Amino acid sequence: MVNMQNNQRLIVFLIPPQKLVNGGIMSIFSIARISRQFKDIHKSEVLLATYPGEKSYGKNDLFKNNETIYSFDEIVKRGPPQSLQIHIPEYASHDVFQGLKKYEDYLRSIPELSINIMNQNIWLMQDPADVANWFSLTPDVTQTIAHKKTATQEIANLYNLPSQHLSVFIDPSQYKWLDYDKKEDLIVLSPDAPDEKAEIVDKITKAFPSYKVVTVQNMTYEDYKSLMSRAKYTITFGEGFDGYYIESFLCGGIAFAVYNEGFFPDKEFSKFENLYSSYKDMSAKIIQDIKDLDRKNYEKIVKKNFDKITKLYDFSNYTKNIKDFYEKKYHFVPDHGSSKILAGKILQAKDKIIAEQNAIIAHRDNLLEHKDRVIAQKVEAISERDKTIDSMINSNSWKVTKPLRKISDSLNKDK
């Protein structure tokens, strides 16, 4: 456990308040662990904490790790350090920024404050104008990018952030490899649920009644790895090039997926026999593809993917990229002028908000105007009715028939 009271330099990786085991969470734990190896560079203690305002759950026992999970409040109570770097998952950037507002005095009292957005999935990144809010707290804002395909100068310019490619490291030795003849008739499914999933799974269960089909859910990471090791096949319905895909091959199995240009590192993968152009394509072909896989072709596909994956996730490159990040040797620095472009986008976003607010106000005014017209019409109708009544009461006929109305009233009372 870190003695935060005596530490004047802290690096904090923020994580959700729920116990989770997935690729994103395990990547954060891994980067935090490797970051400690470079204390001679950043001079900081490295720890993990839940989002601002959330409680800690102490330990994540869903996979092997030695981390203590703090709450952000525990860190704040120790007082402002000399240096604080906060790493934030991309999808939580907006909510964390809002959550940190009540700690603004604390943050502004820190001499060296820096923010890093962990861009693990480009589709989950907030809008550039939203990410730019972090500059209101500190000029030192960066992003680390998990996928090589999106670790580009274009993305650095888009967000006006120094950017570093930090892929995950996957150690093949932590997986149990089983050869084809030792695999079980087992098909593992990712928990993702695109519209076509039910149709594909229905076809598989009917075509291969002897196979057990298991969806990954409610299991520890060790149980998951055991499942992947025993399975002949895995079908991922998520990003495509994700943990389900990668870990299947590291266990000697075959994963099927839809090729996603945004996540697969290069186009060479699109030619692999185990990948499809769409879920419609997968649905049409996967049954026959599995039937056609004899041992020779099976092992050929496994080797092709295994060699490609292990080359991509080389441990020395992984650690070097983390070291370079702390030395501020970024892969991409925003081009000159990108800040002006971002500023223009922020103004456009603000103009859009103002336009939407003006539209709401105009709509409200129209409703009020309509209400006023309705009320005026009702007032006019009442006035016309009152005039009619007054005219009738003051008429000669009404006065002449007054005695008759009295007689009528008297007779009604007698009855």
Protein backbone atom coordinates (compact mmCIF):
# COMPACT_ATOMS: atom_id res chain seq x y z
CA MET A 1 0.00 0.00 0.00
CA VAL A 2 1.26 3.43 -0.95
CA ASN A 3 1.87 5.91 1.86
CA MET A 4 0.37 8.89 0.07
CA GLN A 5 0.98 11.25 2.96
CA ASN A 6 4.72 11.21 2.29
CA ASN A 7 4.45 11.34 -1.50
CA GLN A 8 4.68 14.68 -3.24
CA ARG A 9 4.44 13.20 -6.72
CA LEU A 10 1.53 10.96 -7.71
CA ILE A 11 0.32 9.24 -10.87
CA VAL A 12 -3.31 8.16 -10.60
CA PHE A 13 -5.13 5.83 -13.00
CA LEU A 14 -8.89 6.29 -12.66
CA ILE A 15 -11.14 3.25 -13.03
CA PRO A 16 -14.90 2.59 -12.67
CA PRO A 17 -16.30 1.96 -9.18
CA GLN A 18 -17.53 -1.51 -10.18
CA LYS A 19 -15.39 -4.64 -10.20
CA LEU A 20 -14.89 -5.47 -13.86
CA VAL A 21 -12.71 -7.75 -15.94
CA ASN A 22 -12.33 -6.78 -19.58
CA GLY A 23 -9.60 -5.74 -21.99
CA GLY A 24 -9.80 -2.05 -21.10
CA ILE A 25 -9.56 -2.60 -17.34
CA MET A 26 -6.72 -5.11 -17.62
CA SER A 27 -4.86 -2.75 -19.93
CA ILE A 28 -5.07 0.05 -17.34
CA PHE A 29 -3.80 -2.28 -14.61
CA SER A 30 -0.95 -3.39 -16.86
CA ILE A 31 0.12 0.16 -17.81
CA ALA A 32 0.03 1.19 -14.15
CA ARG A 33 2.22 -1.77 -13.19
CA ILE A 34 4.78 -1.10 -15.92
CA SER A 35 4.75 2.63 -15.10
CA ARG A 36 6.30 1.82 -11.72
CA GLN A 37 9.36 0.51 -13.51
CA PHE A 38 10.13 4.06 -14.65
CA LYS A 39 10.02 5.80 -11.29
CA ASP A 40 13.54 7.05 -11.94
CA ILE A 41 12.00 9.15 -14.74
CA HIS A 42 8.70 10.40 -13.32
CA LYS A 43 9.74 10.28 -9.61
CA SER A 44 6.14 9.42 -8.67
CA GLU A 45 4.14 6.81 -6.82
CA VAL A 46 1.65 5.06 -9.10
CA LEU A 47 -1.77 4.02 -7.89
CA LEU A 48 -5.30 3.26 -9.05
CA ALA A 49 -8.43 5.01 -7.80
CA THR A 50 -12.14 5.02 -8.51
CA TYR A 51 -13.81 8.00 -10.18
CA PRO A 52 -14.26 11.20 -8.12
CA GLY A 53 -17.07 10.87 -5.59
CA GLU A 54 -17.16 7.06 -5.82
CA LYS A 55 -16.24 4.56 -3.11
CA SER A 56 -13.33 2.13 -3.38
CA TYR A 57 -13.81 -1.63 -3.55
CA GLY A 58 -10.30 -2.35 -2.24
CA LYS A 59 -9.20 -5.19 -4.54
CA ASN A 60 -10.27 -6.53 -7.91
CA ASP A 61 -10.19 -10.29 -7.42
CA LEU A 62 -11.65 -11.11 -10.84
CA PHE A 63 -8.12 -11.50 -12.26
CA LYS A 64 -4.60 -11.79 -10.89
CA ASN A 65 -3.10 -8.50 -9.77
CA ASN A 66 -1.51 -6.91 -6.72
CA GLU A 67 -3.23 -3.53 -6.89
CA THR A 68 -4.91 -1.69 -4.03
CA ILE A 69 -7.82 0.40 -5.27
CA TYR A 70 -8.20 3.78 -3.54
CA SER A 71 -11.03 6.28 -3.74
CA PHE A 72 -10.20 9.68 -5.20
CA ASP A 73 -11.40 11.25 -1.93
CA GLU A 74 -8.65 9.37 -0.07
CA ILE A 75 -6.09 11.02 -2.31
CA VAL A 76 -7.59 14.49 -1.87
CA LYS A 77 -7.68 14.17 1.94
CA ARG A 78 -3.88 13.82 1.96
CA GLY A 79 -3.58 17.35 0.65
CA PRO A 80 -2.26 18.63 -2.69
CA PRO A 81 1.00 17.05 -3.88
CA GLN A 82 3.70 18.84 -5.83
CA SER A 83 2.83 16.84 -8.94
CA LEU A 84 -0.29 14.91 -9.97
CA GLN A 85 -0.90 13.14 -13.26
CA ILE A 86 -4.41 11.72 -13.78
CA HIS A 87 -5.12 9.05 -16.41
CA ILE A 88 -8.79 8.94 -17.48
CA PRO A 89 -10.61 6.38 -19.68
CA GLU A 90 -11.85 8.05 -22.84
CA TYR A 91 -15.54 7.24 -22.40
CA ALA A 92 -15.54 8.73 -18.88
CA SER A 93 -13.80 12.01 -19.78
CA HIS A 94 -16.93 14.19 -19.64
CA ASP A 95 -18.34 12.66 -16.45
CA VAL A 96 -14.98 12.75 -14.66
CA PHE A 97 -14.51 16.41 -15.63
CA GLN A 98 -17.93 17.20 -14.15
CA GLY A 99 -17.14 15.11 -11.06
CA LEU A 100 -13.87 16.97 -10.49
CA LYS A 101 -15.55 20.37 -10.35
CA LYS A 102 -16.00 20.12 -6.60
CA TYR A 103 -12.26 19.44 -6.29
CA GLU A 104 -11.31 22.43 -8.45
CA ASP A 105 -9.60 24.35 -5.62
CA TYR A 106 -7.58 21.25 -4.76
CA LEU A 107 -6.52 20.72 -8.39
CA ARG A 108 -5.60 24.37 -8.97
CA SER A 109 -3.36 24.30 -5.89
CA ILE A 110 -1.16 21.58 -7.46
CA PRO A 111 1.93 23.14 -9.10
CA GLU A 112 2.34 20.35 -11.67
CA LEU A 113 -1.03 19.01 -12.82
CA SER A 114 -1.34 16.94 -15.98
CA ILE A 115 -4.20 15.01 -17.56
CA ASN A 116 -3.94 12.02 -19.90
CA ILE A 117 -6.94 10.67 -21.80
CA MET A 118 -6.61 6.91 -22.36
CA ASN A 119 -7.99 6.55 -25.88
CA GLN A 120 -8.62 2.81 -25.92
CA ASN A 121 -11.47 3.01 -28.42
CA ILE A 122 -11.73 5.91 -30.85
CA TRP A 123 -15.51 5.46 -31.08
CA LEU A 124 -15.80 6.14 -27.35
CA MET A 125 -13.70 9.32 -27.42
CA GLN A 126 -15.60 12.47 -26.51
CA ASP A 127 -16.02 15.30 -28.98
CA PRO A 128 -12.82 17.41 -29.37
CA ALA A 129 -14.62 20.46 -28.00
CA ASP A 130 -15.61 18.45 -24.93
CA VAL A 131 -12.08 17.10 -24.41
CA ALA A 132 -10.79 20.67 -24.68
CA ASN A 133 -12.50 21.44 -21.35
CA TRP A 134 -9.48 19.91 -19.63
CA PHE A 135 -7.37 22.87 -20.77
CA SER A 136 -9.33 25.00 -18.30
CA LEU A 137 -7.52 23.11 -15.51
CA THR A 138 -4.07 22.67 -17.03
CA PRO A 139 -2.24 23.22 -20.33
CA ASP A 140 -0.61 19.79 -19.91
CA VAL A 141 -3.14 17.45 -21.52
CA THR A 142 -2.18 14.38 -23.58
CA GLN A 143 -3.71 11.21 -24.96
CA THR A 144 -2.43 7.63 -25.16
CA ILE A 145 -3.90 5.55 -27.98
CA ALA A 146 -4.36 1.78 -27.74
CA HIS A 147 -4.99 0.94 -31.38
CA LYS A 148 -2.16 1.38 -33.85
CA LYS A 149 -4.65 2.17 -36.63
CA THR A 150 -5.85 5.31 -34.83
CA ALA A 151 -2.48 6.37 -33.45
CA THR A 152 -1.92 8.96 -36.18
CA GLN A 153 -0.95 12.57 -36.73
CA GLU A 154 -4.52 13.21 -37.84
CA ILE A 155 -5.91 12.15 -34.44
CA ALA A 156 -3.27 14.21 -32.62
CA ASN A 157 -4.32 17.25 -34.67
CA LEU A 158 -8.03 16.55 -34.25
CA TYR A 159 -7.80 16.75 -30.45
CA ASN A 160 -4.82 19.13 -30.38
CA LEU A 161 -3.10 16.71 -27.98
CA PRO A 162 0.40 15.21 -27.89
CA SER A 163 -0.30 11.54 -28.57
CA GLN A 164 1.46 8.30 -27.72
CA HIS A 165 0.69 4.83 -29.02
CA LEU A 166 0.34 2.56 -25.98
CA SER A 167 -0.90 -0.83 -27.08
CA VAL A 168 -1.62 -3.51 -24.53
CA PHE A 169 1.01 -6.16 -23.90
CA ILE A 170 -0.21 -9.73 -24.09
CA ASP A 171 2.20 -12.31 -22.73
CA PRO A 172 1.65 -15.66 -24.55
CA SER A 173 3.17 -17.53 -21.60
CA GLN A 174 0.17 -16.72 -19.39
CA TYR A 175 -2.11 -18.77 -21.66
CA LYS A 176 -2.39 -22.55 -21.83
CA TRP A 177 -1.85 -23.70 -25.39
CA LEU A 178 -3.68 -26.84 -26.45
CA ASP A 179 -3.16 -28.55 -29.79
CA TYR A 180 -6.06 -29.28 -32.11
CA ASP A 181 -6.59 -32.90 -30.99
CA LYS A 182 -6.76 -31.83 -27.32
CA LYS A 183 -9.35 -29.13 -27.89
CA GLU A 184 -12.97 -29.71 -26.91
CA ASP A 185 -15.99 -29.37 -29.19
CA LEU A 186 -16.57 -25.99 -27.66
CA ILE A 187 -17.46 -22.63 -29.23
CA VAL A 188 -17.03 -19.47 -27.15
CA LEU A 189 -19.08 -16.35 -27.89
CA SER A 190 -18.30 -12.80 -26.84
CA PRO A 191 -21.13 -11.11 -24.89
CA ASP A 192 -21.60 -8.39 -27.54
CA ALA A 193 -24.99 -8.50 -29.22
CA PRO A 194 -25.30 -7.13 -32.77
CA ASP A 195 -28.64 -7.66 -34.50
CA GLU A 196 -27.39 -10.65 -36.50
CA LYS A 197 -26.01 -12.58 -33.51
CA ALA A 198 -29.15 -14.60 -32.74
CA GLU A 199 -29.41 -15.80 -36.36
CA ILE A 200 -25.73 -16.84 -36.49
CA VAL A 201 -25.86 -18.66 -33.13
CA ASP A 202 -29.07 -20.45 -34.14
CA LYS A 203 -27.41 -21.72 -37.34
CA ILE A 204 -24.35 -22.92 -35.40
CA THR A 205 -26.29 -24.82 -32.75
CA LYS A 206 -28.35 -26.58 -35.43
CA ALA A 207 -25.34 -27.37 -37.65
CA PHE A 208 -23.14 -28.60 -34.78
CA PRO A 209 -25.40 -30.20 -32.16
CA SER A 210 -22.46 -31.97 -30.49
CA TYR A 211 -20.71 -28.64 -29.76
CA LYS A 212 -21.21 -26.77 -26.53
CA VAL A 213 -21.78 -23.06 -27.09
CA VAL A 214 -20.80 -20.77 -24.18
CA THR A 215 -21.16 -16.97 -23.90
CA VAL A 216 -18.50 -15.24 -21.79
CA GLN A 217 -20.25 -13.75 -18.77
CA ASN A 218 -20.12 -13.87 -14.96
CA MET A 219 -16.74 -15.59 -14.71
CA THR A 220 -13.29 -14.78 -13.36
CA TYR A 221 -10.47 -14.11 -15.77
CA GLU A 222 -8.78 -17.39 -14.84
CA ASP A 223 -11.98 -19.31 -15.63
CA TYR A 224 -12.22 -17.37 -18.88
CA LYS A 225 -8.65 -18.30 -19.87
CA SER A 226 -9.37 -21.96 -19.10
CA LEU A 227 -12.47 -21.77 -21.30
CA MET A 228 -10.54 -20.18 -24.17
CA SER A 229 -7.80 -22.79 -23.86
CA ARG A 230 -10.25 -25.68 -24.25
CA ALA A 231 -12.32 -24.14 -27.05
CA LYS A 232 -11.75 -24.98 -30.70
CA TYR A 233 -13.49 -21.83 -31.87
CA THR A 234 -14.36 -18.35 -30.66
CA ILE A 235 -16.73 -15.90 -32.31
CA THR A 236 -16.33 -12.27 -31.34
CA PHE A 237 -19.24 -9.96 -32.05
CA GLY A 238 -17.44 -6.85 -30.81
CA GLU A 239 -14.66 -4.71 -32.23
CA GLY A 240 -13.21 -7.64 -34.16
CA PHE A 241 -9.58 -7.26 -33.17
CA ASP A 242 -10.26 -7.54 -29.46
CA GLY A 243 -9.28 -9.75 -26.53
CA TYR A 244 -11.57 -12.58 -27.59
CA TYR A 245 -9.92 -12.66 -31.00
CA ILE A 246 -6.34 -12.34 -29.80
CA GLU A 247 -6.53 -14.68 -26.81
CA SER A 248 -8.17 -17.44 -28.82
CA PHE A 249 -5.08 -17.70 -31.03
CA LEU A 250 -2.72 -17.46 -28.06
CA CYS A 251 -4.47 -20.58 -26.75
CA GLY A 252 -4.14 -22.45 -30.06
CA GLY A 253 -7.74 -21.89 -31.15
CA ILE A 254 -9.42 -20.07 -34.03
CA ALA A 255 -11.46 -16.90 -33.67
CA PHE A 256 -13.99 -15.72 -36.23
CA ALA A 257 -14.85 -12.04 -36.54
CA VAL A 258 -16.00 -9.30 -38.89
CA TYR A 259 -13.08 -7.30 -40.25
CA ASN A 260 -13.26 -3.79 -38.83
CA GLU A 261 -10.90 -1.36 -40.52
CA GLY A 262 -11.00 0.92 -37.49
CA PHE A 263 -9.51 -1.68 -35.12
CA PHE A 264 -7.48 -4.20 -37.09
CA PRO A 265 -3.88 -2.94 -37.34
CA ASP A 266 -3.54 -3.40 -41.10
CA LYS A 267 -5.44 -4.53 -44.17
CA GLU A 268 -3.55 -7.83 -44.39
CA PHE A 269 -5.99 -9.22 -41.83
CA SER A 270 -8.91 -8.63 -44.21
CA LYS A 271 -7.56 -11.48 -46.37
CA PHE A 272 -7.52 -14.02 -43.52
CA GLU A 273 -9.91 -16.96 -43.95
CA ASN A 274 -11.39 -16.51 -40.47
CA LEU A 275 -12.59 -12.96 -41.10
CA TYR A 276 -15.72 -11.72 -42.84
CA SER A 277 -16.74 -8.49 -44.53
CA SER A 278 -20.00 -8.22 -42.55
CA TYR A 279 -22.22 -10.20 -40.17
CA LYS A 280 -24.39 -11.05 -43.17
CA ASP A 281 -21.29 -12.52 -44.82
CA MET A 282 -20.44 -14.39 -41.61
CA SER A 283 -23.95 -15.81 -41.36
CA ALA A 284 -23.80 -17.07 -44.94
CA LYS A 285 -20.34 -18.70 -44.75
CA ILE A 286 -19.29 -19.64 -41.20
CA ILE A 287 -21.02 -23.04 -41.07
CA GLN A 288 -19.32 -24.31 -44.21
CA ASP A 289 -16.01 -22.73 -43.21
CA ILE A 290 -15.99 -24.69 -39.95
CA LYS A 291 -16.96 -27.91 -41.74
CA ASP A 292 -14.08 -27.45 -44.23
CA LEU A 293 -11.42 -27.03 -41.51
CA ASP A 294 -9.33 -30.17 -41.28
CA ARG A 295 -6.39 -30.26 -38.86
CA LYS A 296 -3.87 -29.00 -41.45
CA ASN A 297 -5.91 -25.94 -42.43
CA TYR A 298 -6.86 -25.33 -38.81
CA GLU A 299 -3.22 -25.15 -37.70
CA LYS A 300 -2.31 -23.02 -40.72
CA ILE A 301 -4.85 -20.34 -39.72
CA VAL A 302 -3.74 -20.49 -36.08
CA LYS A 303 -0.06 -20.02 -36.98
CA LYS A 304 -0.74 -17.15 -39.39
CA ASN A 305 -2.67 -15.21 -36.74
CA PHE A 306 -0.40 -16.17 -33.84
CA ASP A 307 2.73 -14.94 -35.64
CA LYS A 308 1.04 -11.67 -36.59
CA ILE A 309 -0.30 -11.03 -33.07
CA THR A 310 2.92 -11.79 -31.19
CA LYS A 311 4.85 -9.52 -33.53
CA LEU A 312 2.40 -6.67 -32.90
CA TYR A 313 2.43 -7.07 -29.13
CA ASP A 314 6.14 -7.22 -28.48
CA PHE A 315 6.95 -6.61 -24.80
CA SER A 316 10.06 -4.52 -25.46
CA ASN A 317 8.07 -2.13 -27.71
CA TYR A 318 5.31 -1.96 -25.14
CA THR A 319 7.63 -0.94 -22.30
CA LYS A 320 9.59 1.44 -24.55
CA ASN A 321 6.39 3.29 -25.51
CA ILE A 322 5.47 3.71 -21.84
CA LYS A 323 8.96 4.93 -21.01
CA ASP A 324 8.88 7.39 -23.93
CA PHE A 325 5.56 8.73 -22.69
CA TYR A 326 7.02 9.65 -19.29
CA GLU A 327 10.03 11.18 -21.03
CA LYS A 328 7.58 13.20 -23.15
CA LYS A 329 8.93 11.64 -26.34
CA TYR A 330 5.54 11.48 -27.99
CA HIS A 331 4.89 9.71 -31.27
CA PHE A 332 2.75 12.61 -32.50
CA VAL A 333 2.66 16.29 -31.60
CA PRO A 334 -0.17 18.48 -32.95
CA ASP A 335 0.76 20.46 -36.04
CA HIS A 336 1.13 24.21 -35.80
CA GLY A 337 -2.30 25.70 -36.26
CA SER A 338 -4.27 22.72 -34.96
CA SER A 339 -5.07 24.71 -31.80
CA LYS A 340 -6.75 27.35 -33.98
CA ILE A 341 -8.71 24.65 -35.78
CA LEU A 342 -9.80 23.21 -32.43
CA ALA A 343 -10.73 26.67 -31.19
CA GLY A 344 -12.88 27.09 -34.29
CA LYS A 345 -14.60 23.77 -33.58
CA ILE A 346 -15.23 24.84 -29.98
CA LEU A 347 -16.81 28.07 -31.21
CA GLN A 348 -18.89 26.10 -33.70
CA ALA A 349 -20.03 23.79 -30.90
CA LYS A 350 -20.92 26.77 -28.71
CA ASP A 351 -22.74 28.42 -31.61
CA LYS A 352 -24.70 25.21 -32.14
CA ILE A 353 -25.68 25.12 -28.46
CA ILE A 354 -26.72 28.78 -28.57
CA ALA A 355 -28.74 28.15 -31.75
CA GLU A 356 -30.47 25.19 -30.10
CA GLN A 357 -31.23 27.28 -27.02
CA ASN A 358 -32.59 30.10 -29.20
CA ALA A 359 -34.80 27.58 -31.01
CA ILE A 360 -36.16 26.34 -27.69
CA ILE A 361 -36.83 29.92 -26.54
CA ALA A 362 -38.55 30.74 -29.85
CA HIS A 363 -40.71 27.61 -29.52
CA ARG A 364 -41.59 28.59 -25.96
CA ASP A 365 -42.51 32.12 -27.12
CA ASN A 366 -44.73 30.67 -29.86
CA LEU A 367 -46.52 28.51 -27.28
CA LEU A 368 -47.01 31.51 -24.99
CA GLU A 369 -48.27 33.61 -27.91
CA HIS A 370 -50.73 30.86 -28.84
CA LYS A 371 -51.86 30.64 -25.20
CA ASP A 372 -52.41 34.43 -25.11
CA ARG A 373 -54.51 34.23 -28.30
CA VAL A 374 -56.65 31.44 -26.86
CA ILE A 375 -57.18 33.42 -23.63
CA ALA A 376 -58.04 36.58 -25.60
CA GLN A 377 -60.58 34.63 -27.67
CA LYS A 378 -62.18 33.24 -24.51
CA VAL A 379 -62.31 36.71 -22.91
CA GLU A 380 -63.93 38.08 -26.06
CA ALA A 381 -66.48 35.24 -26.09
CA ILE A 382 -67.36 35.89 -22.44
CA SER A 383 -67.69 39.62 -23.16
CA GLU A 384 -70.03 38.92 -26.10
CA ARG A 385 -72.11 36.59 -23.93
CA ASP A 386 -72.37 39.24 -21.18
CA LYS A 387 -73.43 41.87 -23.75
CA THR A 388 -76.13 39.53 -25.06
CA ILE A 389 -77.44 38.89 -21.53
CA ASP A 390 -77.42 42.62 -20.70
CA SER A 391 -79.23 43.43 -23.93
CA MET A 392 -81.88 40.83 -23.24
CA ILE A 393 -82.44 41.97 -19.63
CA ASN A 394 -82.81 45.62 -20.68
CA SER A 395 -85.19 44.87 -23.56
CA ASN A 396 -88.91 45.92 -23.45
CA SER A 397 -90.06 42.35 -23.94
CA TRP A 398 -88.12 41.22 -20.89
CA LYS A 399 -89.65 44.05 -18.80
CA VAL A 400 -93.22 43.40 -20.06
CA THR A 401 -93.07 39.68 -19.23
CA LYS A 402 -91.71 40.25 -15.71
CA PRO A 403 -95.17 39.72 -14.01
CA LEU A 404 -95.66 36.48 -15.90
CA ARG A 405 -92.23 35.19 -14.71
CA LYS A 406 -93.25 35.94 -11.09
CA ILE A 407 -96.51 34.01 -11.47
CA SER A 408 -94.57 31.10 -13.03
CA ASP A 409 -92.06 31.10 -10.15
CA SER A 410 -94.92 31.12 -7.59
CA LEU A 411 -96.65 28.16 -9.23
CA ASN A 412 -93.38 26.20 -9.33
CA LYS A 413 -92.88 26.82 -5.59
CA ASP A 414 -96.45 25.56 -4.84
CA LYS A 415 -95.79 22.39 -6.73
